[in-house]
Amino acid sequence: MTDKPDLDALRSEVRAFLAAEAPADWRDTSRTQEDFVRTQRDWFGKLVKAGYAIPHWPAAFPGGGRSLAEQKVIYEELAKADCPRLLLSFVSTYHAFATLHECASTEQQERYLPRILEGETWCQGFSEPGAGSDLAAIKTRAERKGDIYVVNGQKVWSTMAQFADKCLLLVRTSSDGPKQAGITYLLMDMQAPGVTVRPIHQIQGDEEFAEIFLDNVEIPVSERVGEEGKGWAVAQATLASERGLTLMELSYRMRGALSRVAELIRDHEHEEDRGVLRDFGHLVTQVDAVCAIADQFLDNRINGIERVGDASIVKNSYSRALRAYSKLGLRLGGVDEQYIAPITFGDLNTGNWMADFMNSYAWTIAGGSEEVQRNIIAERMLDMPREPKAWVA
């Protein structure tokens, strides 16, 4: 019988670490890209050394093998301490890890997983100008020539690609049969000849995303994950990590960030406004529900009873709560919050309410649009008829 972990002791341990090591001034020291990258790398290194960076990884890795309850304690304390979210290593420790751990060869796992903990940064090359929500419509081509694939095409909305060392890349190796059947999954070196990265300067001043242009890029066949033409199944493992582990962390960070809304209520003297208190109560309940939904999803996955569509429920629940959170903060902040101050590259709960509000709507598209997730829930969980295709004359 396995002893239950001492959660109180873990919480005290994490709090002591954060009191000594958490970068209190990180918002002010992360305004430029150079400062942002330095802050992110330094903080990730400290968390790896302390054993708090990858609690969802296997026990063979430093700080891995944590129970779901232990993971929640760590995420809760990081959120309460207002620590930087690990944006730069986000794809590496979630998407790349899940893909390598669940689908890659032993040799690929042994080569790349330790490098992530050493600071190797990954990005994701999935979406294209004509294939965002409909990911199966990708057109980036990979032609096999002996022991290499020669890749040509374009990817877009790749988070932090301008800082990445490696890329999780979806390519089309065949146009025969269903769209999903011709997709292959490759691991690409971002320094390979023919790879060009162009950051996307967004209207609010952020450069969280980038375009990737691929011009006769050569990728060894040994860097393929799974079989040729079977990349769609591998991609589902990548995306499921975002809608499970990632959303649990983000949900608990949003719960911690509720204190910012409470501060607005106090600072603007809304304590006696029953309408405001009602709306805040609804928000707290909604965020608590999202945390419970994310917890249940991970419990189901751990116990092997996850259903197709469970991840979509988590995704949509979180995106709606994020919109409600940022909308209420923006409203309570009044005129002073109706402008975009300098922001910290892509975080979701910064307290810069206009930027948070705008980013909250982007989240309804990123990782699979809300409409696509609804279709998955309706068709795969509720057995409803498939959405009819538009008639074309």
Protein backbone atom coordinates (compact mmCIF):
# COMPACT_ATOMS: atom_id res chain seq x y z
CA MET A 1 0.00 0.00 0.00
CA THR A 2 1.46 3.36 -1.05
CA ASP A 3 1.62 6.04 1.63
CA LYS A 4 -0.26 9.22 0.85
CA PRO A 5 2.00 12.21 0.27
CA ASP A 6 2.23 14.80 3.04
CA LEU A 7 0.65 17.71 1.20
CA ASP A 8 1.02 20.14 4.09
CA ALA A 9 4.75 19.46 4.25
CA LEU A 10 5.05 19.90 0.48
CA ARG A 11 3.14 23.18 0.62
CA SER A 12 5.44 24.51 3.35
CA GLU A 13 8.47 23.36 1.38
CA VAL A 14 7.31 25.11 -1.81
CA ARG A 15 6.43 28.30 0.08
CA ALA A 16 9.87 28.40 1.68
CA PHE A 17 11.52 27.96 -1.70
CA LEU A 18 9.41 30.70 -3.27
CA ALA A 19 10.06 33.09 -0.39
CA ALA A 20 13.79 32.70 -1.02
CA GLU A 21 13.96 32.35 -4.80
CA ALA A 22 10.87 33.78 -6.53
CA PRO A 23 11.73 36.77 -8.78
CA ALA A 24 9.57 39.47 -7.23
CA ASP A 25 10.32 42.09 -9.88
CA TRP A 26 9.96 39.88 -12.94
CA ARG A 27 7.21 41.99 -14.54
CA ASP A 28 9.46 45.03 -14.59
CA THR A 29 12.50 43.08 -15.79
CA SER A 30 10.76 41.26 -18.66
CA ARG A 31 9.76 44.17 -20.90
CA THR A 32 12.22 43.46 -23.70
CA GLN A 33 12.63 40.17 -25.50
CA GLU A 34 16.19 39.78 -24.23
CA ASP A 35 15.15 40.36 -20.62
CA PHE A 36 12.14 38.09 -21.02
CA VAL A 37 14.25 35.20 -22.32
CA ARG A 38 16.85 35.65 -19.58
CA THR A 39 14.21 35.77 -16.84
CA GLN A 40 12.42 32.72 -18.22
CA ARG A 41 15.59 30.64 -18.53
CA ASP A 42 16.84 31.60 -15.07
CA TRP A 43 13.50 30.80 -13.42
CA PHE A 44 13.13 27.49 -15.27
CA GLY A 45 16.63 26.47 -14.18
CA LYS A 46 15.83 27.24 -10.55
CA LEU A 47 12.58 25.26 -10.68
CA VAL A 48 14.32 22.28 -12.31
CA LYS A 49 17.02 22.29 -9.64
CA ALA A 50 14.40 22.54 -6.86
CA GLY A 51 12.24 19.79 -8.37
CA TYR A 52 9.14 21.87 -9.18
CA ALA A 53 9.40 22.40 -12.95
CA ILE A 54 8.10 19.05 -14.20
CA PRO A 55 5.94 17.40 -11.52
CA HIS A 56 3.92 15.68 -14.29
CA TRP A 57 6.97 13.88 -15.74
CA PRO A 58 7.91 10.33 -14.65
CA ALA A 59 9.74 9.78 -11.37
CA ALA A 60 12.99 9.07 -13.24
CA PHE A 61 13.36 12.84 -13.78
CA PRO A 62 14.15 15.46 -11.09
CA GLY A 63 10.93 16.35 -9.30
CA GLY A 64 8.85 14.03 -11.48
CA GLY A 65 6.42 11.32 -10.47
CA ARG A 66 4.25 13.65 -8.40
CA SER A 67 0.68 12.67 -7.68
CA LEU A 68 -2.14 14.80 -9.02
CA ALA A 69 -2.68 16.20 -5.53
CA GLU A 70 0.99 17.16 -5.26
CA GLN A 71 0.93 18.82 -8.67
CA LYS A 72 -2.02 20.92 -7.60
CA VAL A 73 -0.22 22.07 -4.46
CA ILE A 74 2.78 23.19 -6.52
CA TYR A 75 0.65 25.01 -9.10
CA GLU A 76 -1.44 26.67 -6.39
CA GLU A 77 1.62 28.02 -4.58
CA LEU A 78 3.26 29.24 -7.79
CA ALA A 79 0.04 31.08 -8.63
CA LYS A 80 -0.35 32.59 -5.15
CA ALA A 81 3.24 33.81 -5.25
CA ASP A 82 2.61 35.43 -8.65
CA CYS A 83 5.65 33.74 -10.19
CA PRO A 84 6.39 33.94 -13.92
CA ARG A 85 4.55 31.29 -15.87
CA LEU A 86 7.04 29.18 -17.81
CA LEU A 87 6.04 30.49 -21.21
CA LEU A 88 9.34 29.86 -22.96
CA SER A 89 9.51 26.21 -21.88
CA PHE A 90 5.75 25.64 -22.11
CA VAL A 91 5.82 23.69 -25.38
CA SER A 92 8.96 21.84 -24.27
CA THR A 93 7.69 20.54 -20.93
CA TYR A 94 4.14 19.79 -22.03
CA HIS A 95 3.76 19.28 -25.78
CA ALA A 96 7.22 17.93 -26.56
CA PHE A 97 7.26 15.81 -23.40
CA ALA A 98 3.84 14.25 -24.05
CA THR A 99 4.73 13.52 -27.67
CA LEU A 100 8.12 12.00 -26.87
CA HIS A 101 6.94 10.11 -23.79
CA GLU A 102 3.86 8.58 -25.41
CA CYS A 103 4.87 8.12 -29.04
CA ALA A 104 8.62 8.45 -29.66
CA SER A 105 11.26 5.74 -29.82
CA THR A 106 13.43 4.95 -26.81
CA GLU A 107 16.40 6.48 -28.59
CA GLN A 108 14.48 9.73 -29.24
CA GLN A 109 13.34 9.91 -25.62
CA GLU A 110 16.83 9.37 -24.26
CA ARG A 111 18.23 12.00 -26.59
CA TYR A 112 15.73 14.80 -26.14
CA LEU A 113 14.04 14.63 -22.72
CA PRO A 114 17.23 15.37 -20.74
CA ARG A 115 17.99 18.26 -23.11
CA ILE A 116 14.68 19.91 -22.23
CA LEU A 117 15.71 20.04 -18.58
CA GLU A 118 19.01 21.55 -19.67
CA GLY A 119 17.11 24.39 -21.33
CA GLU A 120 16.53 23.21 -24.92
CA THR A 121 13.47 25.06 -26.18
CA TRP A 122 10.82 23.57 -28.47
CA CYS A 123 8.10 25.13 -30.58
CA GLN A 124 5.13 23.64 -32.42
CA GLY A 125 4.76 23.71 -36.20
CA PHE A 126 1.14 22.71 -36.69
CA SER A 127 -1.07 25.57 -37.93
CA GLU A 128 -0.75 27.03 -41.42
CA PRO A 129 -2.32 30.06 -43.13
CA GLY A 130 -5.04 27.78 -44.54
CA ALA A 131 -5.09 25.18 -41.78
CA GLY A 132 -5.73 26.49 -38.31
CA SER A 133 -8.92 25.16 -36.79
CA ASP A 134 -9.00 22.48 -39.50
CA LEU A 135 -5.55 21.11 -38.78
CA ALA A 136 -5.99 18.16 -41.13
CA ALA A 137 -5.93 20.61 -44.06
CA ILE A 138 -2.16 21.22 -43.78
CA LYS A 139 -0.28 21.53 -47.08
CA THR A 140 3.37 21.66 -45.98
CA ARG A 141 4.93 18.87 -48.04
CA ALA A 142 7.63 16.39 -47.10
CA GLU A 143 9.13 14.28 -49.87
CA ARG A 144 11.23 11.32 -48.82
CA LYS A 145 14.57 10.98 -50.54
CA GLY A 146 16.50 8.05 -49.11
CA ASP A 147 17.25 8.70 -45.47
CA ILE A 148 15.88 12.26 -45.41
CA TYR A 149 12.64 14.16 -45.91
CA VAL A 150 12.80 17.36 -47.93
CA VAL A 151 10.22 19.77 -46.52
CA ASN A 152 8.65 22.84 -48.12
CA GLY A 153 5.86 24.99 -46.75
CA GLN A 154 4.85 27.52 -44.12
CA LYS A 155 3.67 27.39 -40.52
CA VAL A 156 2.05 30.21 -38.57
CA TRP A 157 1.05 31.09 -34.98
CA SER A 158 3.99 29.10 -33.62
CA THR A 159 4.44 30.19 -30.00
CA MET A 160 7.94 31.49 -29.18
CA ALA A 161 9.38 29.96 -32.36
CA GLN A 162 11.92 32.79 -32.61
CA PHE A 163 13.61 31.41 -29.49
CA ALA A 164 13.26 27.68 -30.22
CA ASP A 165 15.94 25.06 -30.82
CA LYS A 166 13.61 22.28 -32.01
CA CYS A 167 10.16 22.04 -33.60
CA LEU A 168 7.31 19.53 -33.44
CA LEU A 169 6.40 19.54 -37.13
CA LEU A 170 3.35 18.20 -38.97
CA VAL A 171 3.86 17.61 -42.70
CA ARG A 172 1.93 16.01 -45.53
CA THR A 173 3.59 12.99 -47.11
CA SER A 174 0.56 11.81 -49.09
CA SER A 175 -2.67 13.21 -50.55
CA ASP A 176 -4.35 9.83 -50.96
CA GLY A 177 -7.37 8.91 -48.85
CA PRO A 178 -8.72 10.96 -45.91
CA LYS A 179 -6.84 14.15 -45.07
CA GLN A 180 -5.63 12.75 -41.76
CA ALA A 181 -4.14 9.66 -43.40
CA GLY A 182 -1.35 11.49 -45.22
CA ILE A 183 0.11 13.39 -42.25
CA THR A 184 3.54 12.57 -40.82
CA TYR A 185 5.11 13.85 -37.59
CA LEU A 186 8.74 15.05 -37.63
CA LEU A 187 11.20 16.60 -35.17
CA MET A 188 12.98 19.53 -36.83
CA ASP A 189 16.16 21.40 -35.95
CA MET A 190 15.30 25.12 -36.06
CA GLN A 191 18.87 25.90 -37.12
CA ALA A 192 18.68 23.65 -40.19
CA PRO A 193 19.39 25.31 -43.56
CA GLY A 194 16.17 26.57 -45.16
CA VAL A 195 14.35 27.40 -41.89
CA THR A 196 13.35 31.07 -41.59
CA VAL A 197 11.47 32.45 -38.58
CA ARG A 198 9.60 35.75 -38.65
CA PRO A 199 7.98 37.02 -35.40
CA ILE A 200 4.40 38.30 -35.73
CA HIS A 201 4.06 41.79 -34.23
CA GLN A 202 0.55 41.93 -32.76
CA ILE A 203 -1.60 45.02 -32.40
CA GLN A 204 -1.14 45.18 -28.63
CA GLY A 205 2.65 45.10 -28.91
CA ASP A 206 3.20 41.42 -28.19
CA GLU A 207 5.35 39.08 -30.27
CA GLU A 208 4.27 35.79 -28.71
CA PHE A 209 3.84 34.07 -32.10
CA ALA A 210 5.92 33.63 -35.23
CA GLU A 211 5.76 32.34 -38.78
CA ILE A 212 8.10 29.55 -39.92
CA PHE A 213 9.08 29.30 -43.59
CA LEU A 214 10.52 25.99 -44.83
CA ASP A 215 12.51 25.97 -48.06
CA ASN A 216 13.95 22.55 -48.98
CA VAL A 217 14.64 21.76 -45.33
CA GLU A 218 16.26 18.34 -44.90
CA ILE A 219 15.10 16.29 -41.91
CA PRO A 220 16.51 12.79 -41.25
CA VAL A 221 13.98 9.96 -41.36
CA SER A 222 15.30 9.01 -37.90
CA GLU A 223 13.60 12.19 -36.64
CA ARG A 224 10.14 10.89 -37.55
CA VAL A 225 7.82 10.07 -34.64
CA GLY A 226 5.72 6.99 -35.39
CA GLU A 227 5.10 5.63 -38.85
CA GLU A 228 4.88 7.64 -42.04
CA GLY A 229 1.31 8.76 -42.63
CA LYS A 230 0.36 8.08 -38.99
CA GLY A 231 1.19 11.53 -37.65
CA TRP A 232 -2.41 12.51 -36.95
CA ALA A 233 -2.60 10.09 -34.00
CA VAL A 234 0.70 11.43 -32.66
CA ALA A 235 -0.61 15.01 -32.96
CA GLN A 236 -3.58 14.09 -30.76
CA ALA A 237 -1.17 13.16 -27.96
CA THR A 238 0.47 16.57 -28.37
CA LEU A 239 -2.83 18.47 -28.27
CA ALA A 240 -4.26 16.40 -25.41
CA SER A 241 -1.37 17.56 -23.20
CA GLU A 242 -2.43 21.18 -23.78
CA ARG A 243 -6.03 20.46 -22.91
CA GLY A 244 -5.19 18.43 -19.82
CA LEU A 245 -2.06 19.12 -17.80
CA THR A 246 -1.62 22.62 -19.20
CA LEU A 247 -5.19 23.64 -18.50
CA MET A 248 -4.97 22.32 -14.97
CA GLU A 249 -1.98 24.60 -14.36
CA LEU A 250 -3.67 27.56 -16.07
CA SER A 251 -6.90 26.97 -14.13
CA TYR A 252 -5.11 27.06 -10.81
CA ARG A 253 -3.17 30.14 -11.87
CA MET A 254 -6.46 31.85 -12.72
CA ARG A 255 -7.81 30.88 -9.30
CA GLY A 256 -4.75 32.51 -7.73
CA ALA A 257 -5.23 35.58 -9.93
CA LEU A 258 -8.75 36.11 -8.54
CA SER A 259 -7.02 38.15 -5.84
CA ARG A 260 -6.40 40.83 -8.49
CA VAL A 261 -10.14 41.18 -9.04
CA ALA A 262 -10.67 41.35 -5.29
CA GLU A 263 -8.09 44.17 -5.13
CA LEU A 264 -10.03 46.11 -7.77
CA ILE A 265 -13.21 45.71 -5.72
CA ARG A 266 -11.45 47.14 -2.66
CA ASP A 267 -9.51 49.86 -4.48
CA HIS A 268 -12.61 51.15 -6.28
CA GLU A 269 -14.82 50.85 -3.19
CA HIS A 270 -17.22 48.26 -4.58
CA GLU A 271 -17.48 46.32 -1.29
CA GLU A 272 -21.10 47.46 -0.80
CA ASP A 273 -22.13 47.05 -4.44
CA ARG A 274 -24.27 43.92 -4.44
CA GLY A 275 -24.19 43.66 -8.22
CA VAL A 276 -20.39 43.61 -8.25
CA LEU A 277 -20.24 41.12 -5.39
CA ARG A 278 -22.75 38.92 -7.20
CA ASP A 279 -20.68 38.97 -10.39
CA PHE A 280 -17.49 38.25 -8.46
CA GLY A 281 -19.21 35.35 -6.72
CA HIS A 282 -20.30 33.94 -10.07
CA LEU A 283 -16.72 34.24 -11.36
CA VAL A 284 -15.25 32.48 -8.32
CA THR A 285 -17.75 29.66 -8.76
CA GLN A 286 -16.98 29.40 -12.48
CA VAL A 287 -13.22 29.24 -11.87
CA ASP A 288 -13.68 26.63 -9.15
CA ALA A 289 -15.78 24.58 -11.57
CA VAL A 290 -13.05 24.77 -14.23
CA CYS A 291 -10.47 23.53 -11.72
CA ALA A 292 -12.79 20.64 -10.80
CA ILE A 293 -13.37 19.77 -14.47
CA ALA A 294 -9.61 19.78 -15.14
CA ASP A 295 -9.01 17.63 -12.06
CA GLN A 296 -11.62 15.11 -13.16
CA PHE A 297 -10.17 14.97 -16.66
CA LEU A 298 -6.73 14.11 -15.31
CA ASP A 299 -8.17 11.59 -12.86
CA ASN A 300 -9.93 9.89 -15.77
CA ARG A 301 -6.72 9.85 -17.81
CA ILE A 302 -4.69 8.42 -14.94
CA ASN A 303 -7.32 5.72 -14.38
CA GLY A 304 -7.58 4.88 -18.07
CA ILE A 305 -11.22 5.95 -18.45
CA GLU A 306 -10.75 9.15 -20.45
CA ARG A 307 -13.42 9.62 -23.13
CA VAL A 308 -13.07 11.21 -26.53
CA GLY A 309 -14.28 14.75 -26.01
CA ASP A 310 -13.29 15.11 -22.34
CA ALA A 311 -10.35 17.31 -23.33
CA SER A 312 -12.67 19.51 -25.39
CA ILE A 313 -14.88 20.12 -22.34
CA VAL A 314 -11.85 21.27 -20.35
CA LYS A 315 -10.70 23.53 -23.17
CA ASN A 316 -14.04 25.30 -23.62
CA SER A 317 -14.69 25.61 -19.89
CA TYR A 318 -11.33 27.28 -19.34
CA SER A 319 -11.62 29.68 -22.29
CA ARG A 320 -15.06 30.86 -21.13
CA ALA A 321 -13.86 31.40 -17.57
CA LEU A 322 -10.83 33.32 -18.84
CA ARG A 323 -13.11 35.64 -20.81
CA ALA A 324 -15.31 36.19 -17.75
CA TYR A 325 -12.28 36.85 -15.53
CA SER A 326 -10.70 39.44 -17.83
CA LYS A 327 -14.03 41.08 -18.66
CA LEU A 328 -14.90 41.66 -15.00
CA GLY A 329 -11.41 42.99 -14.25
CA LEU A 330 -11.60 45.36 -17.18
CA ARG A 331 -15.00 46.61 -16.10
CA LEU A 332 -14.06 47.14 -12.46
CA GLY A 333 -10.82 48.89 -13.36
CA GLY A 334 -12.73 51.74 -14.96
CA VAL A 335 -11.23 54.25 -17.36
CA ASP A 336 -7.72 53.72 -15.98
CA GLU A 337 -7.69 50.21 -17.42
CA GLN A 338 -8.98 51.15 -20.87
CA TYR A 339 -5.55 51.28 -22.44
CA ILE A 340 -2.81 48.80 -23.24
CA ALA A 341 0.23 49.14 -21.04
CA PRO A 342 3.49 47.32 -21.85
CA ILE A 343 2.83 43.62 -21.34
CA THR A 344 4.85 40.54 -20.54
CA PHE A 345 4.94 38.42 -23.69
CA GLY A 346 1.83 36.30 -23.83
CA ASP A 347 0.78 35.64 -20.23
CA LEU A 348 -2.95 35.35 -19.57
CA ASN A 349 -3.45 36.77 -16.07
CA THR A 350 -1.11 39.75 -15.95
CA GLY A 351 -3.40 42.29 -14.29
CA ASN A 352 -3.04 44.47 -17.39
CA TRP A 353 -6.74 44.16 -17.99
CA MET A 354 -7.09 45.33 -21.58
CA ALA A 355 -4.28 43.06 -22.77
CA ASP A 356 -5.70 40.16 -20.73
CA PHE A 357 -9.15 40.79 -22.19
CA MET A 358 -7.84 40.72 -25.78
CA ASN A 359 -5.76 37.59 -25.13
CA SER A 360 -8.75 35.82 -23.61
CA TYR A 361 -10.55 35.87 -26.96
CA ALA A 362 -7.48 34.56 -28.76
CA TRP A 363 -7.62 31.55 -26.43
CA THR A 364 -11.01 30.56 -27.89
CA ILE A 365 -9.12 29.84 -31.14
CA ALA A 366 -5.69 28.65 -29.99
CA GLY A 367 -5.34 24.90 -29.54
CA GLY A 368 -8.56 24.24 -31.46
CA SER A 369 -11.42 26.71 -31.83
CA GLU A 370 -14.40 26.65 -29.50
CA GLU A 371 -16.68 25.71 -32.40
CA VAL A 372 -14.54 22.70 -33.31
CA GLN A 373 -14.51 21.57 -29.68
CA ARG A 374 -18.30 21.81 -29.55
CA ASN A 375 -18.56 19.64 -32.65
CA ILE A 376 -16.29 17.03 -31.07
CA ILE A 377 -18.43 16.98 -27.92
CA ALA A 378 -21.66 16.77 -29.92
CA GLU A 379 -20.55 14.12 -32.40
CA ARG A 380 -18.13 11.99 -30.40
CA MET A 381 -19.73 12.13 -26.92
CA LEU A 382 -23.43 12.77 -27.54
CA ASP A 383 -23.71 10.77 -30.81
CA MET A 384 -25.40 13.69 -32.55
CA PRO A 385 -25.44 13.83 -36.38
CA ARG A 386 -22.34 15.27 -38.02
CA GLU A 387 -22.55 18.89 -39.07
CA PRO A 388 -23.65 18.97 -42.75
CA LYS A 389 -21.09 20.17 -45.24
CA ALA A 390 -21.81 23.44 -47.03
CA TRP A 391 -23.32 22.97 -50.50
CA VAL A 392 -21.16 24.32 -53.29
CA ALA A 393 -22.70 25.08 -56.69
